Each structure stands twice: as C-alpha cells, then as structure tokens.
C-alpha cells in the first residue's frame, strides 16, 4: 500500500511541514504514549508527493508573508487546493 502525504501547521514554529501520513501517525501515537504535547495540526492530505510539494510551496509563498500567517490568504489557498 502506498503512503499518502500530509501537510501540517505548527503554530509554535509558524511553519508548514510535509510528512508521510504513516510518519505523522507514528509520531502522534508516540506523543500520546509519552504524554508529550504537539501543536502539529494536519490541514491537507495528498496521494501524490508532487501535488503535496506544490501545495506546500503555494502555502509558503502566498500565506507566510513576512513570517506571519495571513489567515485570509490561507483561506483562499485552501479553498483552491481543495477544489483542484
């Protein structure tokens, strides 16, 4: 079975991250077992690494202006990505 890819948002790092879904689940289970907190929030999932990388690039270019999260632009990018 092929892995899917997940884009996560970290509020503490003010950054998007791309991971294999299996790695995200493994990390989340490890955090749960170890009672560690994590602020990584999955926001998008892809079956194609190419599409995931393009989405990550779009998010970083259009949403992270001056190191700050532009919520209005995030909404536009997410709607575009979800509809294509």
C-alpha atoms as a PDB file:
ATOM      1  CA  UNK A   1       0.000   0.000   0.000  1.00  0.00           C
ATOM      2  CA  UNK A   2       1.368   3.384  -0.963  1.00  0.00           C
ATOM      3  CA  UNK A   3       1.662   6.098   1.626  1.00  0.00           C
ATOM      4  CA  UNK A   4      -0.164   9.396   1.377  1.00  0.00           C
ATOM      5  CA  UNK A   5       1.294  12.747   2.362  1.00  0.00           C
ATOM      6  CA  UNK A   6       0.111  15.271   4.921  1.00  0.00           C
ATOM      7  CA  UNK A   7       0.751  18.977   5.284  1.00  0.00           C
ATOM      8  CA  UNK A   8       0.676  20.087   8.899  1.00  0.00           C
ATOM      9  CA  UNK A   9       0.733  23.506  10.535  1.00  0.00           C
ATOM     10  CA  UNK A  10       2.743  24.236  13.663  1.00  0.00           C
ATOM     11  CA  UNK A  11       1.648  27.394  15.463  1.00  0.00           C
ATOM     12  CA  UNK A  12       4.698  27.400  17.737  1.00  0.00           C
ATOM     13  CA  UNK A  13       7.085  27.172  14.766  1.00  0.00           C
ATOM     14  CA  UNK A  14       4.867  29.306  12.499  1.00  0.00           C
ATOM     15  CA  UNK A  15       5.554  26.870   9.705  1.00  0.00           C
ATOM     16  CA  UNK A  16       4.009  24.266   7.436  1.00  0.00           C
ATOM     17  CA  UNK A  17       5.541  20.782   7.319  1.00  0.00           C
ATOM     18  CA  UNK A  18       5.170  17.923   4.858  1.00  0.00           C
ATOM     19  CA  UNK A  19       5.298  14.341   6.128  1.00  0.00           C
ATOM     20  CA  UNK A  20       4.252  10.894   5.049  1.00  0.00           C
ATOM     21  CA  UNK A  21       0.917  10.115   6.673  1.00  0.00           C
ATOM     22  CA  UNK A  22       2.362   6.977   8.272  1.00  0.00           C
ATOM     23  CA  UNK A  23       5.137   9.049   9.889  1.00  0.00           C
ATOM     24  CA  UNK A  24       2.596  11.562  11.196  1.00  0.00           C
ATOM     25  CA  UNK A  25       0.509   8.795  12.744  1.00  0.00           C
ATOM     26  CA  UNK A  26       3.571   7.142  14.268  1.00  0.00           C
ATOM     27  CA  UNK A  27       4.686  10.469  15.771  1.00  0.00           C
ATOM     28  CA  UNK A  28       1.196  11.194  17.120  1.00  0.00           C
ATOM     29  CA  UNK A  29       0.971   7.754  18.748  1.00  0.00           C
ATOM     30  CA  UNK A  30       4.434   8.165  20.241  1.00  0.00           C
ATOM     31  CA  UNK A  31       3.436  11.565  21.625  1.00  0.00           C
ATOM     32  CA  UNK A  32       0.274  10.072  23.104  1.00  0.00           C
ATOM     33  CA  UNK A  33       2.146   7.192  24.752  1.00  0.00           C
ATOM     34  CA  UNK A  34       4.819   9.561  26.096  1.00  0.00           C
ATOM     35  CA  UNK A  35       2.277  12.208  27.191  1.00  0.00           C
ATOM     36  CA  UNK A  36       4.075  14.801  25.036  1.00  0.00           C
ATOM     37  CA  UNK A  37       2.228  17.766  23.625  1.00  0.00           C
ATOM     38  CA  UNK A  38       2.433  18.631  19.959  1.00  0.00           C
ATOM     39  CA  UNK A  39       0.942  21.515  18.085  1.00  0.00           C
ATOM     40  CA  UNK A  40       1.270  19.936  14.624  1.00  0.00           C
ATOM     41  CA  UNK A  41      -2.178  20.116  13.034  1.00  0.00           C
ATOM     42  CA  UNK A  42      -2.853  18.211   9.801  1.00  0.00           C
ATOM     43  CA  UNK A  43      -4.599  20.503   7.314  1.00  0.00           C
ATOM     44  CA  UNK A  44      -4.261  18.763   3.931  1.00  0.00           C
ATOM     45  CA  UNK A  45      -3.725  15.244   2.632  1.00  0.00           C
ATOM     46  CA  UNK A  46      -2.467  14.126  -0.782  1.00  0.00           C
ATOM     47  CA  UNK A  47      -1.828  10.832  -2.575  1.00  0.00           C
ATOM     48  CA  UNK A  48       0.749  12.490  -4.825  1.00  0.00           C
ATOM     49  CA  UNK A  49       4.068  13.772  -3.471  1.00  0.00           C
ATOM     50  CA  UNK A  50       4.262  16.148  -6.435  1.00  0.00           C
ATOM     51  CA  UNK A  51       0.900  17.724  -5.559  1.00  0.00           C
ATOM     52  CA  UNK A  52       1.808  17.849  -1.875  1.00  0.00           C
ATOM     53  CA  UNK A  53       5.072  19.661  -2.646  1.00  0.00           C
ATOM     54  CA  UNK A  54       3.258  22.126  -4.930  1.00  0.00           C
ATOM     55  CA  UNK A  55       0.666  22.812  -2.236  1.00  0.00           C
ATOM     56  CA  UNK A  56       3.410  23.323   0.352  1.00  0.00           C
ATOM     57  CA  UNK A  57       5.162  25.751  -1.981  1.00  0.00           C
ATOM     58  CA  UNK A  58       1.908  27.656  -2.584  1.00  0.00           C
ATOM     59  CA  UNK A  59       1.234  27.857   1.138  1.00  0.00           C
ATOM     60  CA  UNK A  60       4.730  29.121   1.915  1.00  0.00           C
ATOM     61  CA  UNK A  61       4.750  31.697  -0.908  1.00  0.00           C
ATOM     62  CA  UNK A  62       1.225  33.052  -0.561  1.00  0.00           C
ATOM     63  CA  UNK A  63       0.324  32.583   3.083  1.00  0.00           C
ATOM     64  CA  UNK A  64       3.507  33.235   5.037  1.00  0.00           C
ATOM     65  CA  UNK A  65       4.089  36.918   4.387  1.00  0.00           C
ATOM     66  CA  UNK A  66       6.912  38.342   6.486  1.00  0.00           C
ATOM     67  CA  UNK A  67       6.891  35.250   8.688  1.00  0.00           C
ATOM     68  CA  UNK A  68       3.298  35.814   9.759  1.00  0.00           C
ATOM     69  CA  UNK A  69       0.310  33.682   8.886  1.00  0.00           C
ATOM     70  CA  UNK A  70      -2.109  35.541   6.638  1.00  0.00           C
ATOM     71  CA  UNK A  71      -5.399  33.851   7.523  1.00  0.00           C
ATOM     72  CA  UNK A  72      -7.335  35.475   4.680  1.00  0.00           C
ATOM     73  CA  UNK A  73      -4.834  34.215   2.116  1.00  0.00           C
ATOM     74  CA  UNK A  74      -4.752  30.806   3.819  1.00  0.00           C
ATOM     75  CA  UNK A  75      -8.485  30.512   3.323  1.00  0.00           C
ATOM     76  CA  UNK A  76      -8.157  31.320  -0.394  1.00  0.00           C
ATOM     77  CA  UNK A  77      -5.284  28.867  -0.930  1.00  0.00           C
ATOM     78  CA  UNK A  78      -7.001  26.058   0.970  1.00  0.00           C
ATOM     79  CA  UNK A  79     -10.243  26.507  -0.979  1.00  0.00           C
ATOM     80  CA  UNK A  80      -8.314  26.484  -4.238  1.00  0.00           C
ATOM     81  CA  UNK A  81      -6.361  23.343  -3.285  1.00  0.00           C
ATOM     82  CA  UNK A  82      -9.450  21.511  -2.076  1.00  0.00           C
ATOM     83  CA  UNK A  83     -11.298  22.218  -5.320  1.00  0.00           C
ATOM     84  CA  UNK A  84      -8.464  21.154  -7.658  1.00  0.00           C
END
